[in-house]
Each structure stands twice: as structure tokens, then as C-alpha cells.
mmCIF file of all heavy atoms, coordinates in Angstrom:
data_MODEL
# 
_entry.id   MODEL 
# 
loop_
_atom_site.group_PDB 
_atom_site.id 
_atom_site.type_symbol 
_atom_site.label_atom_id 
_atom_site.label_alt_id 
_atom_site.label_comp_id 
_atom_site.label_asym_id 
_atom_site.label_entity_id 
_atom_site.label_seq_id 
_atom_site.pdbx_PDB_ins_code 
_atom_site.Cartn_x 
_atom_site.Cartn_y 
_atom_site.Cartn_z 
_atom_site.occupancy 
_atom_site.B_iso_or_equiv 
_atom_site.pdbx_formal_charge 
_atom_site.auth_seq_id 
_atom_site.auth_comp_id 
_atom_site.auth_asym_id 
_atom_site.auth_atom_id 
_atom_site.pdbx_PDB_model_num 
ATOM 1   N N   . GLU A 1 1  ? 0.806  -1.207  0.042  1.00 0.00 ? 1  GLU A N   1 
ATOM 2   C CA  . GLU A 1 1  ? -0.070 -0.048  0.027  1.00 0.00 ? 1  GLU A CA  1 
ATOM 3   C C   . GLU A 1 1  ? 0.803  1.192   0.002  1.00 0.00 ? 1  GLU A C   1 
ATOM 4   O O   . GLU A 1 1  ? 0.518  2.262   -0.706 1.00 0.00 ? 1  GLU A O   1 
ATOM 5   C CB  . GLU A 1 1  ? -0.881 -0.015  1.235  1.00 0.00 ? 1  GLU A CB  1 
ATOM 6   C CG  . GLU A 1 1  ? -1.999 -1.060  1.177  1.00 0.00 ? 1  GLU A CG  1 
ATOM 7   C CD  . GLU A 1 1  ? -2.746 -1.155  2.428  1.00 0.00 ? 1  GLU A CD  1 
ATOM 8   O OE1 . GLU A 1 1  ? -2.536 -0.298  3.308  1.00 0.00 ? 1  GLU A OE1 1 
ATOM 9   O OE2 . GLU A 1 1  ? -3.793 -2.014  2.606  1.00 0.00 ? 1  GLU A OE2 1 
ATOM 10  N N   . GLU A 1 2  ? 1.878  1.284   0.765  1.00 0.00 ? 2  GLU A N   1 
ATOM 11  C CA  . GLU A 1 2  ? 2.797  2.426   0.910  1.00 0.00 ? 2  GLU A CA  1 
ATOM 12  C C   . GLU A 1 2  ? 3.528  2.710   -0.388 1.00 0.00 ? 2  GLU A C   1 
ATOM 13  O O   . GLU A 1 2  ? 3.836  3.857   -0.759 1.00 0.00 ? 2  GLU A O   1 
ATOM 14  C CB  . GLU A 1 2  ? 3.828  2.275   1.980  1.00 0.00 ? 2  GLU A CB  1 
ATOM 15  C CG  . GLU A 1 2  ? 3.153  2.258   3.423  1.00 0.00 ? 2  GLU A CG  1 
ATOM 16  C CD  . GLU A 1 2  ? 2.934  3.752   3.893  1.00 0.00 ? 2  GLU A CD  1 
ATOM 17  O OE1 . GLU A 1 2  ? 3.490  4.647   3.366  1.00 0.00 ? 2  GLU A OE1 1 
ATOM 18  O OE2 . GLU A 1 2  ? 2.113  3.837   4.803  1.00 0.00 ? 2  GLU A OE2 1 
ATOM 19  N N   . THR A 1 3  ? 3.924  1.624   -1.090 1.00 0.00 ? 3  THR A N   1 
ATOM 20  C CA  . THR A 1 3  ? 4.793  1.904   -2.327 1.00 0.00 ? 3  THR A CA  1 
ATOM 21  C C   . THR A 1 3  ? 3.958  1.851   -3.601 1.00 0.00 ? 3  THR A C   1 
ATOM 22  O O   . THR A 1 3  ? 4.513  2.126   -4.679 1.00 0.00 ? 3  THR A O   1 
ATOM 23  C CB  . THR A 1 3  ? 5.807  0.776   -2.317 1.00 0.00 ? 3  THR A CB  1 
ATOM 24  O OG1 . THR A 1 3  ? 5.189  -0.511  -2.371 1.00 0.00 ? 3  THR A OG1 1 
ATOM 25  C CG2 . THR A 1 3  ? 6.775  0.890   -1.126 1.00 0.00 ? 3  THR A CG2 1 
ATOM 26  N N   . GLY A 1 4  ? 2.718  1.386   -3.521 1.00 0.00 ? 4  GLY A N   1 
ATOM 27  C CA  . GLY A 1 4  ? 1.897  1.275   -4.761 1.00 0.00 ? 4  GLY A CA  1 
ATOM 28  C C   . GLY A 1 4  ? 2.174  0.167   -5.704 1.00 0.00 ? 4  GLY A C   1 
ATOM 29  O O   . GLY A 1 4  ? 2.066  0.222   -6.867 1.00 0.00 ? 4  GLY A O   1 
ATOM 30  N N   . VAL A 1 5  ? 2.862  -0.919  -5.161 1.00 0.00 ? 5  VAL A N   1 
ATOM 31  C CA  . VAL A 1 5  ? 3.168  -2.095  -5.844 1.00 0.00 ? 5  VAL A CA  1 
ATOM 32  C C   . VAL A 1 5  ? 2.268  -3.330  -5.378 1.00 0.00 ? 5  VAL A C   1 
ATOM 33  O O   . VAL A 1 5  ? 1.661  -3.124  -4.360 1.00 0.00 ? 5  VAL A O   1 
ATOM 34  C CB  . VAL A 1 5  ? 4.694  -2.478  -5.882 1.00 0.00 ? 5  VAL A CB  1 
ATOM 35  C CG1 . VAL A 1 5  ? 5.493  -1.314  -6.320 1.00 0.00 ? 5  VAL A CG1 1 
ATOM 36  C CG2 . VAL A 1 5  ? 5.059  -2.874  -4.320 1.00 0.00 ? 5  VAL A CG2 1 
ATOM 37  N N   . SER A 1 6  ? 2.407  -4.318  -6.094 1.00 0.00 ? 6  SER A N   1 
ATOM 38  C CA  . SER A 1 6  ? 1.476  -5.519  -5.757 1.00 0.00 ? 6  SER A CA  1 
ATOM 39  C C   . SER A 1 6  ? 2.169  -6.309  -4.553 1.00 0.00 ? 6  SER A C   1 
ATOM 40  O O   . SER A 1 6  ? 3.470  -6.117  -4.326 1.00 0.00 ? 6  SER A O   1 
ATOM 41  C CB  . SER A 1 6  ? 1.423  -6.598  -6.958 1.00 0.00 ? 6  SER A CB  1 
ATOM 42  O OG  . SER A 1 6  ? 2.624  -7.011  -7.211 1.00 0.00 ? 6  SER A OG  1 
ATOM 43  N N   . VAL A 1 7  ? 1.395  -7.119  -3.944 1.00 0.00 ? 7  VAL A N   1 
ATOM 44  C CA  . VAL A 1 7  ? 1.765  -7.926  -2.820 1.00 0.00 ? 7  VAL A CA  1 
ATOM 45  C C   . VAL A 1 7  ? 2.902  -8.829  -3.310 1.00 0.00 ? 7  VAL A C   1 
ATOM 46  O O   . VAL A 1 7  ? 3.879  -9.172  -2.648 1.00 0.00 ? 7  VAL A O   1 
ATOM 47  C CB  . VAL A 1 7  ? 0.739  -8.619  -2.081 1.00 0.00 ? 7  VAL A CB  1 
ATOM 48  C CG1 . VAL A 1 7  ? 1.247  -9.617  -1.066 1.00 0.00 ? 7  VAL A CG1 1 
ATOM 49  C CG2 . VAL A 1 7  ? -0.194 -7.666  -1.474 1.00 0.00 ? 7  VAL A CG2 1 
ATOM 50  N N   . ILE A 1 8  ? 2.739  -9.377  -4.565 1.00 0.00 ? 8  ILE A N   1 
ATOM 51  C CA  . ILE A 1 8  ? 3.619  -10.313 -5.146 1.00 0.00 ? 8  ILE A CA  1 
ATOM 52  C C   . ILE A 1 8  ? 5.048  -9.622  -5.321 1.00 0.00 ? 8  ILE A C   1 
ATOM 53  O O   . ILE A 1 8  ? 6.029  -10.339 -5.049 1.00 0.00 ? 8  ILE A O   1 
ATOM 54  C CB  . ILE A 1 8  ? 3.200  -10.867 -6.511 1.00 0.00 ? 8  ILE A CB  1 
ATOM 55  C CG1 . ILE A 1 8  ? 1.830  -11.705 -6.250 1.00 0.00 ? 8  ILE A CG1 1 
ATOM 56  C CG2 . ILE A 1 8  ? 4.189  -11.588 -7.210 1.00 0.00 ? 8  ILE A CG2 1 
ATOM 57  C CD1 . ILE A 1 8  ? 1.244  -12.269 -7.549 1.00 0.00 ? 8  ILE A CD1 1 
ATOM 58  N N   . THR A 1 9  ? 5.069  -8.431  -5.763 1.00 0.00 ? 9  THR A N   1 
ATOM 59  C CA  . THR A 1 9  ? 6.270  -7.674  -5.875 1.00 0.00 ? 9  THR A CA  1 
ATOM 60  C C   . THR A 1 9  ? 7.009  -7.639  -4.557 1.00 0.00 ? 9  THR A C   1 
ATOM 61  O O   . THR A 1 9  ? 8.235  -7.790  -4.415 1.00 0.00 ? 9  THR A O   1 
ATOM 62  C CB  . THR A 1 9  ? 5.984  -6.325  -6.454 1.00 0.00 ? 9  THR A CB  1 
ATOM 63  O OG1 . THR A 1 9  ? 5.464  -6.368  -7.774 1.00 0.00 ? 9  THR A OG1 1 
ATOM 64  C CG2 . THR A 1 9  ? 7.335  -5.512  -6.438 1.00 0.00 ? 9  THR A CG2 1 
ATOM 65  N N   . VAL A 1 10 ? 6.290  -7.240  -3.451 1.00 0.00 ? 10 VAL A N   1 
ATOM 66  C CA  . VAL A 1 10 ? 6.859  -7.174  -2.093 1.00 0.00 ? 10 VAL A CA  1 
ATOM 67  C C   . VAL A 1 10 ? 7.340  -8.503  -1.667 1.00 0.00 ? 10 VAL A C   1 
ATOM 68  O O   . VAL A 1 10 ? 8.405  -8.693  -1.103 1.00 0.00 ? 10 VAL A O   1 
ATOM 69  C CB  . VAL A 1 10 ? 5.726  -6.704  -1.188 1.00 0.00 ? 10 VAL A CB  1 
ATOM 70  C CG1 . VAL A 1 10 ? 6.402  -6.661  0.312  1.00 0.00 ? 10 VAL A CG1 1 
ATOM 71  C CG2 . VAL A 1 10 ? 5.271  -5.266  -1.424 1.00 0.00 ? 10 VAL A CG2 1 
ATOM 72  N N   . GLU A 1 11 ? 6.619  -9.576  -2.048 1.00 0.00 ? 11 GLU A N   1 
ATOM 73  C CA  . GLU A 1 11 ? 7.077  -10.925 -1.654 1.00 0.00 ? 11 GLU A CA  1 
ATOM 74  C C   . GLU A 1 11 ? 8.396  -11.181 -2.326 1.00 0.00 ? 11 GLU A C   1 
ATOM 75  O O   . GLU A 1 11 ? 9.360  -11.893 -1.696 1.00 0.00 ? 11 GLU A O   1 
ATOM 76  C CB  . GLU A 1 11 ? 6.023  -11.990 -2.073 1.00 0.00 ? 11 GLU A CB  1 
ATOM 77  C CG  . GLU A 1 11 ? 4.774  -11.980 -1.148 1.00 0.00 ? 11 GLU A CG  1 
ATOM 78  C CD  . GLU A 1 11 ? 3.763  -13.050 -1.652 1.00 0.00 ? 11 GLU A CD  1 
ATOM 79  O OE1 . GLU A 1 11 ? 3.937  -13.483 -2.840 1.00 0.00 ? 11 GLU A OE1 1 
ATOM 80  O OE2 . GLU A 1 11 ? 2.770  -13.240 -0.984 1.00 0.00 ? 11 GLU A OE2 1 
ATOM 81  N N   . HIS A 1 12 ? 8.620  -10.850 -3.575 1.00 0.00 ? 12 HIS A N   1 
ATOM 82  C CA  . HIS A 1 12 ? 9.837  -11.114 -4.237 1.00 0.00 ? 12 HIS A CA  1 
ATOM 83  C C   . HIS A 1 12 ? 10.995 -10.354 -3.570 1.00 0.00 ? 12 HIS A C   1 
ATOM 84  O O   . HIS A 1 12 ? 12.097 -10.980 -3.308 1.00 0.00 ? 12 HIS A O   1 
ATOM 85  C CB  . HIS A 1 12 ? 9.763  -10.671 -5.735 1.00 0.00 ? 12 HIS A CB  1 
ATOM 86  C CG  . HIS A 1 12 ? 9.023  -11.439 -6.591 1.00 0.00 ? 12 HIS A CG  1 
ATOM 87  N ND1 . HIS A 1 12 ? 8.965  -12.820 -6.425 1.00 0.00 ? 12 HIS A ND1 1 
ATOM 88  C CD2 . HIS A 1 12 ? 8.227  -11.157 -7.690 1.00 0.00 ? 12 HIS A CD2 1 
ATOM 89  C CE1 . HIS A 1 12 ? 8.228  -13.378 -7.322 1.00 0.00 ? 12 HIS A CE1 1 
ATOM 90  N NE2 . HIS A 1 12 ? 7.751  -12.356 -8.204 1.00 0.00 ? 12 HIS A NE2 1 
ATOM 91  N N   . ALA A 1 13 ? 10.749 -9.116  -3.059 1.00 0.00 ? 13 ALA A N   1 
ATOM 92  C CA  . ALA A 1 13 ? 11.808 -8.380  -2.377 1.00 0.00 ? 13 ALA A CA  1 
ATOM 93  C C   . ALA A 1 13 ? 12.054 -9.019  -1.086 1.00 0.00 ? 13 ALA A C   1 
ATOM 94  O O   . ALA A 1 13 ? 13.233 -9.066  -0.578 1.00 0.00 ? 13 ALA A O   1 
ATOM 95  C CB  . ALA A 1 13 ? 11.307 -6.923  -2.160 1.00 0.00 ? 13 ALA A CB  1 
ATOM 96  N N   . MET A 1 14 ? 10.963 -9.488  -0.354 1.00 0.00 ? 14 MET A N   1 
ATOM 97  C CA  . MET A 1 14 ? 11.269 -10.065 0.999  1.00 0.00 ? 14 MET A CA  1 
ATOM 98  C C   . MET A 1 14 ? 12.024 -11.400 0.849  1.00 0.00 ? 14 MET A C   1 
ATOM 99  O O   . MET A 1 14 ? 12.901 -11.832 1.643  1.00 0.00 ? 14 MET A O   1 
ATOM 100 C CB  . MET A 1 14 ? 9.876  -10.422 1.647  1.00 0.00 ? 14 MET A CB  1 
ATOM 101 C CG  . MET A 1 14 ? 9.109  -9.157  2.068  1.00 0.00 ? 14 MET A CG  1 
ATOM 102 S SD  . MET A 1 14 ? 10.017 -8.201  3.273  1.00 0.00 ? 14 MET A SD  1 
ATOM 103 C CE  . MET A 1 14 ? 8.764  -7.046  3.826  1.00 0.00 ? 14 MET A CE  1 
ATOM 104 N N   . THR A 1 15 ? 11.745 -12.174 -0.220 1.00 0.00 ? 15 THR A N   1 
ATOM 105 C CA  . THR A 1 15 ? 12.506 -13.418 -0.455 1.00 0.00 ? 15 THR A CA  1 
ATOM 106 C C   . THR A 1 15 ? 13.910 -13.103 -0.628 1.00 0.00 ? 15 THR A C   1 
ATOM 107 O O   . THR A 1 15 ? 14.810 -13.858 -0.061 1.00 0.00 ? 15 THR A O   1 
ATOM 108 C CB  . THR A 1 15 ? 11.873 -14.095 -1.787 1.00 0.00 ? 15 THR A CB  1 
ATOM 109 O OG1 . THR A 1 15 ? 10.616 -14.445 -1.477 1.00 0.00 ? 15 THR A OG1 1 
ATOM 110 C CG2 . THR A 1 15 ? 12.676 -15.386 -2.048 1.00 0.00 ? 15 THR A CG2 1 
ATOM 111 N N   . LEU A 1 16 ? 14.295 -12.108 -1.436 1.00 0.00 ? 16 LEU A N   1 
ATOM 112 C CA  . LEU A 1 16 ? 15.677 -11.748 -1.571 1.00 0.00 ? 16 LEU A CA  1 
ATOM 113 C C   . LEU A 1 16 ? 16.393 -11.389 -0.218 1.00 0.00 ? 16 LEU A C   1 
ATOM 114 O O   . LEU A 1 16 ? 17.424 -11.809 0.019  1.00 0.00 ? 16 LEU A O   1 
ATOM 115 C CB  . LEU A 1 16 ? 15.824 -10.557 -2.546 1.00 0.00 ? 16 LEU A CB  1 
ATOM 116 C CG  . LEU A 1 16 ? 15.999 -10.905 -3.967 1.00 0.00 ? 16 LEU A CG  1 
ATOM 117 C CD1 . LEU A 1 16 ? 16.106 -9.619  -4.769 1.00 0.00 ? 16 LEU A CD1 1 
ATOM 118 C CD2 . LEU A 1 16 ? 17.045 -11.746 -4.315 1.00 0.00 ? 16 LEU A CD2 1 
ATOM 119 N N   . LEU A 1 17 ? 15.673 -10.663 0.505  1.00 0.00 ? 17 LEU A N   1 
ATOM 120 C CA  . LEU A 1 17 ? 16.130 -10.186 1.824  1.00 0.00 ? 17 LEU A CA  1 
ATOM 121 C C   . LEU A 1 17 ? 16.446 -11.357 2.671  1.00 0.00 ? 17 LEU A C   1 
ATOM 122 O O   . LEU A 1 17 ? 17.544 -11.474 3.410  1.00 0.00 ? 17 LEU A O   1 
ATOM 123 C CB  . LEU A 1 17 ? 15.162 -9.263  2.562  1.00 0.00 ? 17 LEU A CB  1 
ATOM 124 C CG  . LEU A 1 17 ? 14.981 -7.836  2.108  1.00 0.00 ? 17 LEU A CG  1 
ATOM 125 C CD1 . LEU A 1 17 ? 13.840 -7.180  2.876  1.00 0.00 ? 17 LEU A CD1 1 
ATOM 126 C CD2 . LEU A 1 17 ? 16.324 -7.148  2.371  1.00 0.00 ? 17 LEU A CD2 1 
ATOM 127 N N   . CYS A 1 18 ? 15.569 -12.387 2.704  1.00 0.00 ? 18 CYS A N   1 
ATOM 128 C CA  . CYS A 1 18 ? 15.797 -13.703 3.401  1.00 0.00 ? 18 CYS A CA  1 
ATOM 129 C C   . CYS A 1 18 ? 16.979 -14.390 2.902  1.00 0.00 ? 18 CYS A C   1 
ATOM 130 O O   . CYS A 1 18 ? 17.797 -15.006 3.606  1.00 0.00 ? 18 CYS A O   1 
ATOM 131 C CB  . CYS A 1 18 ? 14.572 -14.367 3.589  1.00 0.00 ? 18 CYS A CB  1 
ATOM 132 S SG  . CYS A 1 18 ? 13.193 -13.691 4.500  1.00 0.00 ? 18 CYS A SG  1 
ATOM 133 N N   . GLU A 1 19 ? 17.045 -14.568 1.565  1.00 0.00 ? 19 GLU A N   1 
ATOM 134 C CA  . GLU A 1 19 ? 18.149 -15.332 0.891  1.00 0.00 ? 19 GLU A CA  1 
ATOM 135 C C   . GLU A 1 19 ? 19.498 -14.723 1.315  1.00 0.00 ? 19 GLU A C   1 
ATOM 136 O O   . GLU A 1 19 ? 20.391 -15.411 1.355  1.00 0.00 ? 19 GLU A O   1 
ATOM 137 C CB  . GLU A 1 19 ? 17.854 -15.356 -0.614 1.00 0.00 ? 19 GLU A CB  1 
ATOM 138 C CG  . GLU A 1 19 ? 16.758 -16.312 -1.028 1.00 0.00 ? 19 GLU A CG  1 
ATOM 139 C CD  . GLU A 1 19 ? 16.557 -16.277 -2.532 1.00 0.00 ? 19 GLU A CD  1 
ATOM 140 O OE1 . GLU A 1 19 ? 17.263 -15.503 -3.235 1.00 0.00 ? 19 GLU A OE1 1 
ATOM 141 O OE2 . GLU A 1 19 ? 15.762 -17.105 -3.055 1.00 0.00 ? 19 GLU A OE2 1 
ATOM 142 N N   . GLU A 1 20 ? 19.526 -13.360 1.271  1.00 0.00 ? 20 GLU A N   1 
ATOM 143 C CA  . GLU A 1 20 ? 20.829 -12.827 1.394  1.00 0.00 ? 20 GLU A CA  1 
ATOM 144 C C   . GLU A 1 20 ? 21.159 -12.553 2.915  1.00 0.00 ? 20 GLU A C   1 
ATOM 145 O O   . GLU A 1 20 ? 22.188 -12.063 3.262  1.00 0.00 ? 20 GLU A O   1 
ATOM 146 C CB  . GLU A 1 20 ? 20.912 -11.345 0.787  1.00 0.00 ? 20 GLU A CB  1 
ATOM 147 C CG  . GLU A 1 20 ? 20.525 -11.404 -0.629 1.00 0.00 ? 20 GLU A CG  1 
ATOM 148 C CD  . GLU A 1 20 ? 21.178 -12.589 -1.332 1.00 0.00 ? 20 GLU A CD  1 
ATOM 149 O OE1 . GLU A 1 20 ? 22.426 -12.711 -1.130 1.00 0.00 ? 20 GLU A OE1 1 
ATOM 150 O OE2 . GLU A 1 20 ? 20.634 -13.229 -2.251 1.00 0.00 ? 20 GLU A OE2 1 
ATOM 151 N N   . GLY A 1 21 ? 20.383 -13.025 3.858  1.00 0.00 ? 21 GLY A N   1 
ATOM 152 C CA  . GLY A 1 21 ? 20.704 -12.981 5.241  1.00 0.00 ? 21 GLY A CA  1 
ATOM 153 C C   . GLY A 1 21 ? 20.320 -11.741 6.029  1.00 0.00 ? 21 GLY A C   1 
ATOM 154 O O   . GLY A 1 21 ? 20.866 -11.571 7.111  1.00 0.00 ? 21 GLY A O   1 
ATOM 155 N N   . TYR A 1 22 ? 19.603 -10.843 5.352  1.00 0.00 ? 22 TYR A N   1 
ATOM 156 C CA  . TYR A 1 22 ? 19.238 -9.614  6.086  1.00 0.00 ? 22 TYR A CA  1 
ATOM 157 C C   . TYR A 1 22 ? 18.081 -9.871  7.046  1.00 0.00 ? 22 TYR A C   1 
ATOM 158 O O   . TYR A 1 22 ? 18.114 -9.154  8.109  1.00 0.00 ? 22 TYR A O   1 
ATOM 159 C CB  . TYR A 1 22 ? 18.850 -8.490  4.989  1.00 0.00 ? 22 TYR A CB  1 
ATOM 160 C CG  . TYR A 1 22 ? 19.958 -8.004  4.263  1.00 0.00 ? 22 TYR A CG  1 
ATOM 161 C CD1 . TYR A 1 22 ? 20.214 -8.333  2.918  1.00 0.00 ? 22 TYR A CD1 1 
ATOM 162 C CD2 . TYR A 1 22 ? 20.905 -7.055  4.776  1.00 0.00 ? 22 TYR A CD2 1 
ATOM 163 C CE1 . TYR A 1 22 ? 21.232 -7.819  2.211  1.00 0.00 ? 22 TYR A CE1 1 
ATOM 164 C CE2 . TYR A 1 22 ? 21.908 -6.521  4.041  1.00 0.00 ? 22 TYR A CE2 1 
ATOM 165 C CZ  . TYR A 1 22 ? 22.124 -6.915  2.724  1.00 0.00 ? 22 TYR A CZ  1 
ATOM 166 O OH  . TYR A 1 22 ? 23.089 -6.401  1.938  1.00 0.00 ? 22 TYR A OH  1 
ATOM 167 N N   . THR A 1 23 ? 17.307 -10.747 6.643  1.00 0.00 ? 23 THR A N   1 
ATOM 168 C CA  . THR A 1 23 ? 16.008 -10.957 7.434  1.00 0.00 ? 23 THR A CA  1 
ATOM 169 C C   . THR A 1 23 ? 15.776 -12.514 7.529  1.00 0.00 ? 23 THR A C   1 
ATOM 170 O O   . THR A 1 23 ? 16.451 -13.274 6.806  1.00 0.00 ? 23 THR A O   1 
ATOM 171 C CB  . THR A 1 23 ? 14.815 -10.269 6.789  1.00 0.00 ? 23 THR A CB  1 
ATOM 172 O OG1 . THR A 1 23 ? 14.583 -10.854 5.477  1.00 0.00 ? 23 THR A OG1 1 
ATOM 173 C CG2 . THR A 1 23 ? 14.913 -8.776  6.809  1.00 0.00 ? 23 THR A CG2 1 
ATOM 174 N N   . GLU A 1 24 ? 14.835 -12.839 8.350  1.00 0.00 ? 24 GLU A N   1 
ATOM 175 C CA  . GLU A 1 24 ? 14.341 -14.238 8.401  1.00 0.00 ? 24 GLU A CA  1 
ATOM 176 C C   . GLU A 1 24 ? 12.854 -14.188 8.586  1.00 0.00 ? 24 GLU A C   1 
ATOM 177 O O   . GLU A 1 24 ? 12.304 -13.266 9.318  1.00 0.00 ? 24 GLU A O   1 
ATOM 178 C CB  . GLU A 1 24 ? 15.027 -15.064 9.469  1.00 0.00 ? 24 GLU A CB  1 
ATOM 179 C CG  . GLU A 1 24 ? 14.653 -14.680 10.914 1.00 0.00 ? 24 GLU A CG  1 
ATOM 180 C CD  . GLU A 1 24 ? 15.403 -15.717 11.852 1.00 0.00 ? 24 GLU A CD  1 
ATOM 181 O OE1 . GLU A 1 24 ? 16.354 -16.394 11.470 1.00 0.00 ? 24 GLU A OE1 1 
ATOM 182 O OE2 . GLU A 1 24 ? 14.860 -15.680 13.061 1.00 0.00 ? 24 GLU A OE2 1 
ATOM 183 N N   . SER A 1 25 ? 12.198 -15.247 8.046  1.00 0.00 ? 25 SER A N   1 
ATOM 184 C CA  . SER A 1 25 ? 10.792 -15.301 8.129  1.00 0.00 ? 25 SER A CA  1 
ATOM 185 C C   . SER A 1 25 ? 10.467 -16.290 9.313  1.00 0.00 ? 25 SER A C   1 
ATOM 186 O O   . SER A 1 25 ? 10.935 -17.331 9.465  1.00 0.00 ? 25 SER A O   1 
ATOM 187 C CB  . SER A 1 25 ? 10.125 -15.864 6.866  1.00 0.00 ? 25 SER A CB  1 
ATOM 188 O OG  . SER A 1 25 ? 8.716  -16.058 6.967  1.00 0.00 ? 25 SER A OG  1 
ATOM 189 N N   . ARG A 1 26 ? 9.601  -15.772 10.231 1.00 0.00 ? 26 ARG A N   1 
ATOM 190 C CA  . ARG A 1 26 ? 9.152  -16.596 11.388 1.00 0.00 ? 26 ARG A CA  1 
ATOM 191 C C   . ARG A 1 26 ? 7.690  -16.879 11.208 1.00 0.00 ? 26 ARG A C   1 
ATOM 192 O O   . ARG A 1 26 ? 6.799  -15.917 11.152 1.00 0.00 ? 26 ARG A O   1 
ATOM 193 C CB  . ARG A 1 26 ? 9.411  -15.751 12.658 1.00 0.00 ? 26 ARG A CB  1 
ATOM 194 C CG  . ARG A 1 26 ? 10.876 -15.515 12.844 1.00 0.00 ? 26 ARG A CG  1 
ATOM 195 C CD  . ARG A 1 26 ? 11.134 -14.720 14.059 1.00 0.00 ? 26 ARG A CD  1 
ATOM 196 N NE  . ARG A 1 26 ? 12.632 -14.259 14.194 1.00 0.00 ? 26 ARG A NE  1 
ATOM 197 C CZ  . ARG A 1 26 ? 13.134 -13.430 15.021 1.00 0.00 ? 26 ARG A CZ  1 
ATOM 198 N NH1 . ARG A 1 26 ? 12.255 -12.876 15.937 1.00 0.00 ? 26 ARG A NH1 1 
ATOM 199 N NH2 . ARG A 1 26 ? 14.392 -13.185 15.020 1.00 0.00 ? 26 ARG A NH2 1 
ATOM 200 N N   . GLN A 1 27 ? 7.327  -18.088 11.299 1.00 0.00 ? 27 GLN A N   1 
ATOM 201 C CA  . GLN A 1 27 ? 5.834  -18.480 11.067 1.00 0.00 ? 27 GLN A CA  1 
ATOM 202 C C   . GLN A 1 27 ? 4.915  -17.824 11.925 1.00 0.00 ? 27 GLN A C   1 
ATOM 203 O O   . GLN A 1 27 ? 5.086  -17.718 13.169 1.00 0.00 ? 27 GLN A O   1 
ATOM 204 C CB  . GLN A 1 27 ? 5.851  -20.076 11.198 1.00 0.00 ? 27 GLN A CB  1 
ATOM 205 C CG  . GLN A 1 27 ? 4.560  -20.606 10.672 1.00 0.00 ? 27 GLN A CG  1 
ATOM 206 C CD  . GLN A 1 27 ? 4.600  -22.210 10.666 1.00 0.00 ? 27 GLN A CD  1 
ATOM 207 O OE1 . GLN A 1 27 ? 5.474  -22.685 11.332 1.00 0.00 ? 27 GLN A OE1 1 
ATOM 208 N NE2 . GLN A 1 27 ? 3.624  -22.770 10.011 1.00 0.00 ? 27 GLN A NE2 1 
ATOM 209 N N   . ARG A 1 28 ? 3.881  -17.234 11.351 1.00 0.00 ? 28 ARG A N   1 
ATOM 210 C CA  . ARG A 1 28 ? 2.890  -16.563 12.026 1.00 0.00 ? 28 ARG A CA  1 
ATOM 211 C C   . ARG A 1 28 ? 3.308  -15.336 12.740 1.00 0.00 ? 28 ARG A C   1 
ATOM 212 O O   . ARG A 1 28 ? 2.504  -14.798 13.549 1.00 0.00 ? 28 ARG A O   1 
ATOM 213 C CB  . ARG A 1 28 ? 2.055  -17.494 12.946 1.00 0.00 ? 28 ARG A CB  1 
ATOM 214 C CG  . ARG A 1 28 ? 1.393  -18.658 12.208 1.00 0.00 ? 28 ARG A CG  1 
ATOM 215 C CD  . ARG A 1 28 ? 0.741  -19.607 13.222 1.00 0.00 ? 28 ARG A CD  1 
ATOM 216 N NE  . ARG A 1 28 ? 0.130  -20.732 12.587 1.00 0.00 ? 28 ARG A NE  1 
ATOM 217 C CZ  . ARG A 1 28 ? -0.505 -21.715 13.234 1.00 0.00 ? 28 ARG A CZ  1 
ATOM 218 N NH1 . ARG A 1 28 ? -0.547 -21.699 14.543 1.00 0.00 ? 28 ARG A NH1 1 
ATOM 219 N NH2 . ARG A 1 28 ? -0.980 -22.724 12.554 1.00 0.00 ? 28 ARG A NH2 1 
ATOM 220 N N   . SER A 1 29 ? 4.542  -14.905 12.627 1.00 0.00 ? 29 SER A N   1 
ATOM 221 C CA  . SER A 1 29 ? 5.025  -13.675 13.336 1.00 0.00 ? 29 SER A CA  1 
ATOM 222 C C   . SER A 1 29 ? 5.474  -12.645 12.327 1.00 0.00 ? 29 SER A C   1 
ATOM 223 O O   . SER A 1 29 ? 5.348  -11.426 12.666 1.00 0.00 ? 29 SER A O   1 
ATOM 224 C CB  . SER A 1 29 ? 6.243  -14.104 14.165 1.00 0.00 ? 29 SER A CB  1 
ATOM 225 O OG  . SER A 1 29 ? 5.831  -14.995 15.082 1.00 0.00 ? 29 SER A OG  1 
# 
């Protein structure tokens, strides 16, 4: 909503962040 892009686009960016070790996904959190 803030950037005006699709949720899928955000998911791609988030996947990259996790792959590169900047972030990690925690189930239901």
C-alpha cells in the first residue's frame, strides 16, 4: 500500500532479503 506495488512484488523483495541473510521469516510472526 505504501509503495503502490503488488503484494507479489513485495514478496519477491522479501524473499531476496531472506536469501541474502538480512532477514528471516518466522511462522505466524
